[in-house]
Amino acid sequence: MNQKIKDFLNNAKTWKEEYELLHSIISDCGLVEDFKWMHPCYTYNKANVVLIHGFKEYCAIAFFKGALLSDSKGVLIQQTENVQSGRQIRFKSLKEIEKNESIIKAYIFEAIEIEKAGLKVELKKRDDIVACEELLNKFKEDEKFKKAFHTLTPGRQKAYHLFFNDAAQSKTRVTRIEKYLQRIMNGKGLTDCTCGLSKRMPNCDGSHKQLLNK
């Protein structure tokens, strides 16, 4: 077993038994073990196929090209409408994993065949990205913030949408919005300089770090 995966399983404070069983099931499918994004990841010919991860309400296996799976059992979940390629199978108990072991393996084998065939997910244009529910709620709460956001250039708006939508949990999306609220109110993009020291204006080059040394 990959040592980092071993440490992950041994040190898990939640979903420990579920993680161990999922690892055992996936290990029977001929994939190569790796550890990426702080979670067990399994690859075929160096291509990411499936990842084990967990949240407060559930643990899951995530298929990197899940959108291409036939999903004959209707178990795949799209985390948000802006996640184009990945899909999850979620579990809330050890018994649920045990009950669905054959389905899990069937989906993994199908995912491997997708990699063998060299299939790729046809991604939509990023112009189709929409605001997450948490951002829409903030717009309703704060009209000035809404106006400031829509005053940003389309590119800056898109960068924020991608950043907010990328968070898997609603709580994280809310935290990100609150953290960058004042930056948006000031008309700044996600990577814009806020200290005025950058030599790559308007982008930040890290020059603000000089202020910490004074």
Protein backbone atom coordinates (compact mmCIF):
# COMPACT_ATOMS: atom_id res chain seq x y z
CA MET A 1 0.00 0.00 0.00
CA ASN A 2 1.15 3.52 -0.76
CA GLN A 3 2.55 4.88 2.53
CA LYS A 4 0.67 8.17 2.26
CA ILE A 5 -2.59 6.30 1.72
CA LYS A 6 -1.76 4.08 4.67
CA ASP A 7 -1.20 7.15 6.86
CA PHE A 8 -4.43 8.69 5.57
CA LEU A 9 -6.44 5.61 6.51
CA ASN A 10 -4.76 5.19 9.88
CA ASN A 11 -5.22 8.84 10.86
CA ALA A 12 -8.77 9.32 9.60
CA LYS A 13 -10.98 10.73 12.36
CA THR A 14 -14.23 10.27 10.44
CA TRP A 15 -15.33 7.66 7.88
CA LYS A 16 -12.33 5.50 8.79
CA GLU A 17 -14.02 2.13 8.18
CA GLU A 18 -15.74 3.43 5.07
CA TYR A 19 -12.44 4.71 3.64
CA GLU A 20 -10.76 1.38 4.34
CA LEU A 21 -13.49 -0.57 2.59
CA LEU A 22 -13.52 1.77 -0.41
CA HIS A 23 -9.76 1.46 -0.67
CA SER A 24 -10.03 -2.34 -0.57
CA ILE A 25 -12.69 -2.36 -3.29
CA ILE A 26 -10.78 -0.01 -5.58
CA SER A 27 -7.54 -1.93 -5.02
CA ASP A 28 -9.18 -4.98 -6.61
CA CYS A 29 -9.68 -3.10 -9.88
CA GLY A 30 -6.08 -2.97 -11.11
CA LEU A 31 -5.46 0.75 -10.70
CA VAL A 32 -2.24 2.36 -9.47
CA GLU A 33 -2.37 3.92 -6.00
CA ASP A 34 -1.34 7.54 -5.57
CA PHE A 35 -2.00 10.34 -3.11
CA LYS A 36 -3.15 13.66 -4.55
CA TRP A 37 -4.96 16.67 -3.12
CA MET A 38 -4.45 15.09 0.32
CA HIS A 39 -6.62 12.09 -0.59
CA PRO A 40 -6.19 8.57 -2.01
CA CYS A 41 -6.23 8.76 -5.80
CA TYR A 42 -6.16 5.88 -8.26
CA THR A 43 -4.80 6.11 -11.79
CA TYR A 44 -4.58 4.20 -15.06
CA ASN A 45 -1.57 4.92 -17.28
CA LYS A 46 -0.93 8.00 -15.10
CA ALA A 47 -4.43 9.36 -15.79
CA ASN A 48 -6.58 10.09 -12.74
CA VAL A 49 -9.59 7.76 -12.60
CA VAL A 50 -11.13 7.87 -9.13
CA LEU A 51 -10.54 9.62 -5.81
CA ILE A 52 -11.71 8.83 -2.27
CA HIS A 53 -12.80 11.81 -0.19
CA GLY A 54 -15.20 12.75 2.57
CA PHE A 55 -17.34 15.53 3.91
CA LYS A 56 -19.34 16.08 7.07
CA GLU A 57 -22.50 14.45 5.75
CA TYR A 58 -21.02 11.72 3.55
CA CYS A 59 -17.92 10.08 2.13
CA ALA A 60 -17.58 9.47 -1.59
CA ILE A 61 -15.63 8.23 -4.55
CA ALA A 62 -15.22 10.81 -7.28
CA PHE A 63 -14.76 9.86 -10.93
CA PHE A 64 -12.69 12.39 -12.84
CA LYS A 65 -14.53 11.65 -16.09
CA GLY A 66 -17.79 10.68 -14.45
CA ALA A 67 -19.81 12.62 -17.01
CA LEU A 68 -18.86 9.95 -19.57
CA LEU A 69 -20.09 7.03 -17.45
CA SER A 70 -23.39 5.50 -18.52
CA ASP A 71 -24.68 5.61 -14.91
CA SER A 72 -27.01 2.67 -15.48
CA LYS A 73 -27.90 2.57 -11.79
CA GLY A 74 -28.50 6.30 -11.47
CA VAL A 75 -26.10 6.76 -8.57
CA LEU A 76 -23.81 9.50 -9.86
CA ILE A 77 -24.06 12.98 -8.39
CA GLN A 78 -22.88 16.24 -9.92
CA GLN A 79 -21.62 18.38 -7.02
CA THR A 80 -22.65 21.69 -8.59
CA GLU A 81 -24.00 22.59 -12.01
CA ASN A 82 -20.61 24.06 -12.91
CA VAL A 83 -18.72 20.79 -12.37
CA GLN A 84 -18.50 19.56 -15.93
CA SER A 85 -16.47 16.36 -15.82
CA GLY A 86 -16.41 14.89 -12.30
CA ARG A 87 -19.16 12.85 -10.69
CA GLN A 88 -19.53 11.31 -7.22
CA ILE A 89 -21.03 8.23 -5.67
CA ARG A 90 -21.88 9.15 -2.09
CA PHE A 91 -22.17 6.92 0.97
CA LYS A 92 -23.44 7.56 4.49
CA SER A 93 -22.62 4.21 6.08
CA LEU A 94 -20.43 1.13 5.84
CA LYS A 95 -23.46 -1.01 5.03
CA GLU A 96 -24.29 1.20 2.07
CA ILE A 97 -20.83 0.60 0.62
CA GLU A 98 -21.04 -3.14 1.25
CA LYS A 99 -24.42 -3.29 -0.44
CA ASN A 100 -23.15 -1.47 -3.53
CA GLU A 101 -19.72 -3.09 -3.92
CA SER A 102 -20.57 -4.72 -7.26
CA ILE A 103 -21.92 -1.42 -8.61
CA ILE A 104 -18.81 0.46 -7.45
CA LYS A 105 -16.54 -2.01 -9.25
CA ALA A 106 -18.66 -1.96 -12.41
CA TYR A 107 -18.40 1.84 -12.56
CA ILE A 108 -14.64 1.72 -11.96
CA PHE A 109 -14.13 -0.83 -14.72
CA GLU A 110 -16.20 1.33 -17.06
CA ALA A 111 -14.06 4.35 -16.11
CA ILE A 112 -10.94 2.35 -16.95
CA GLU A 113 -12.37 1.47 -20.36
CA ILE A 114 -13.00 5.16 -20.95
CA GLU A 115 -9.30 5.84 -20.29
CA LYS A 116 -8.25 2.97 -22.54
CA ALA A 117 -10.35 4.44 -25.34
CA GLY A 118 -8.81 7.88 -24.81
CA LEU A 119 -12.21 9.53 -24.41
CA LYS A 120 -12.41 13.12 -23.19
CA VAL A 121 -15.21 15.20 -21.72
CA GLU A 122 -16.34 17.92 -24.10
CA LEU A 123 -16.27 20.97 -21.87
CA LYS A 124 -18.74 23.81 -22.25
CA LYS A 125 -17.50 27.32 -22.81
CA ARG A 126 -16.75 29.13 -19.58
CA ASP A 127 -19.15 31.86 -20.70
CA ASP A 128 -21.93 29.48 -19.67
CA ILE A 129 -20.88 29.57 -16.01
CA VAL A 130 -23.54 30.92 -13.67
CA ALA A 131 -23.43 32.36 -10.18
CA CYS A 132 -23.64 29.92 -7.28
CA GLU A 133 -26.62 30.06 -4.95
CA GLU A 134 -24.55 31.58 -2.15
CA LEU A 135 -23.48 34.50 -4.36
CA LEU A 136 -27.05 35.08 -5.52
CA ASN A 137 -28.16 35.16 -1.89
CA LYS A 138 -25.47 37.74 -1.13
CA PHE A 139 -26.72 39.86 -4.03
CA LYS A 140 -30.19 39.82 -2.47
CA GLU A 141 -28.79 40.86 0.92
CA ASP A 142 -26.52 43.61 -0.36
CA GLU A 143 -27.55 45.67 -3.38
CA LYS A 144 -24.32 47.69 -3.31
CA PHE A 145 -22.26 44.51 -3.45
CA LYS A 146 -24.36 43.25 -6.35
CA LYS A 147 -23.80 46.47 -8.26
CA ALA A 148 -20.06 46.41 -7.53
CA PHE A 149 -19.76 42.82 -8.74
CA HIS A 150 -21.54 43.53 -12.00
CA THR A 151 -19.39 46.63 -12.52
CA LEU A 152 -16.31 44.38 -12.73
CA THR A 153 -15.06 43.42 -16.18
CA PRO A 154 -16.45 40.14 -17.57
CA GLY A 155 -13.07 38.48 -17.08
CA ARG A 156 -12.91 39.46 -13.42
CA GLN A 157 -16.49 38.31 -12.84
CA LYS A 158 -15.71 34.96 -14.47
CA ALA A 159 -12.62 34.45 -12.28
CA TYR A 160 -14.69 35.01 -9.14
CA HIS A 161 -17.45 32.69 -10.37
CA LEU A 162 -14.92 29.93 -10.99
CA PHE A 163 -13.27 30.48 -7.60
CA PHE A 164 -16.53 30.50 -5.65
CA ASN A 165 -18.08 27.60 -7.58
CA ASP A 166 -14.98 25.47 -7.19
CA ALA A 167 -15.64 25.03 -3.47
CA ALA A 168 -17.40 21.72 -2.82
CA GLN A 169 -19.25 22.85 0.31
CA SER A 170 -21.73 25.68 0.72
CA LYS A 171 -19.99 26.84 3.91
CA THR A 172 -16.71 27.24 2.02
CA ARG A 173 -18.40 29.17 -0.78
CA VAL A 174 -19.91 31.58 1.77
CA THR A 175 -16.51 32.03 3.45
CA ARG A 176 -14.83 32.81 0.14
CA ILE A 177 -17.49 35.37 -0.78
CA GLU A 178 -17.16 37.13 2.58
CA LYS A 179 -13.37 37.12 2.37
CA TYR A 180 -13.33 38.80 -1.06
CA LEU A 181 -16.33 41.07 -0.53
CA GLN A 182 -14.31 44.22 0.19
CA ARG A 183 -11.95 43.50 -2.70
CA ILE A 184 -14.95 43.32 -5.02
CA MET A 185 -16.41 46.50 -3.51
CA ASN A 186 -13.08 48.18 -4.34
CA GLY A 187 -13.37 47.09 -7.96
CA LYS A 188 -10.51 44.62 -7.73
CA GLY A 189 -10.29 41.26 -9.49
CA LEU A 190 -9.26 37.99 -7.86
CA THR A 191 -5.57 38.44 -8.74
CA ASP A 192 -5.39 42.25 -8.88
CA CYS A 193 -2.81 44.14 -6.84
CA THR A 194 -4.29 45.84 -3.77
CA CYS A 195 -1.15 47.54 -2.40
CA GLY A 196 -0.03 49.50 -5.47
CA LEU A 197 3.52 48.11 -5.38
CA SER A 198 3.27 45.56 -8.16
CA LYS A 199 5.43 46.00 -11.24
CA ARG A 200 2.93 43.91 -13.19
CA MET A 201 -0.12 46.10 -12.61
CA PRO A 202 -2.95 45.44 -12.44
CA ASN A 203 -1.90 41.89 -11.54
CA CYS A 204 -0.28 41.24 -8.18
CA ASP A 205 3.36 40.08 -8.19
CA GLY A 206 3.60 39.64 -4.43
CA SER A 207 5.20 43.03 -3.80
CA HIS A 208 2.83 43.61 -0.87
CA LYS A 209 5.03 41.22 1.12
CA GLN A 210 7.52 44.08 1.41
CA LEU A 211 5.07 45.80 3.74
CA LEU A 212 5.30 42.93 6.20
CA ASN A 213 9.01 43.53 6.65
CA LYS A 214 8.70 47.19 7.56
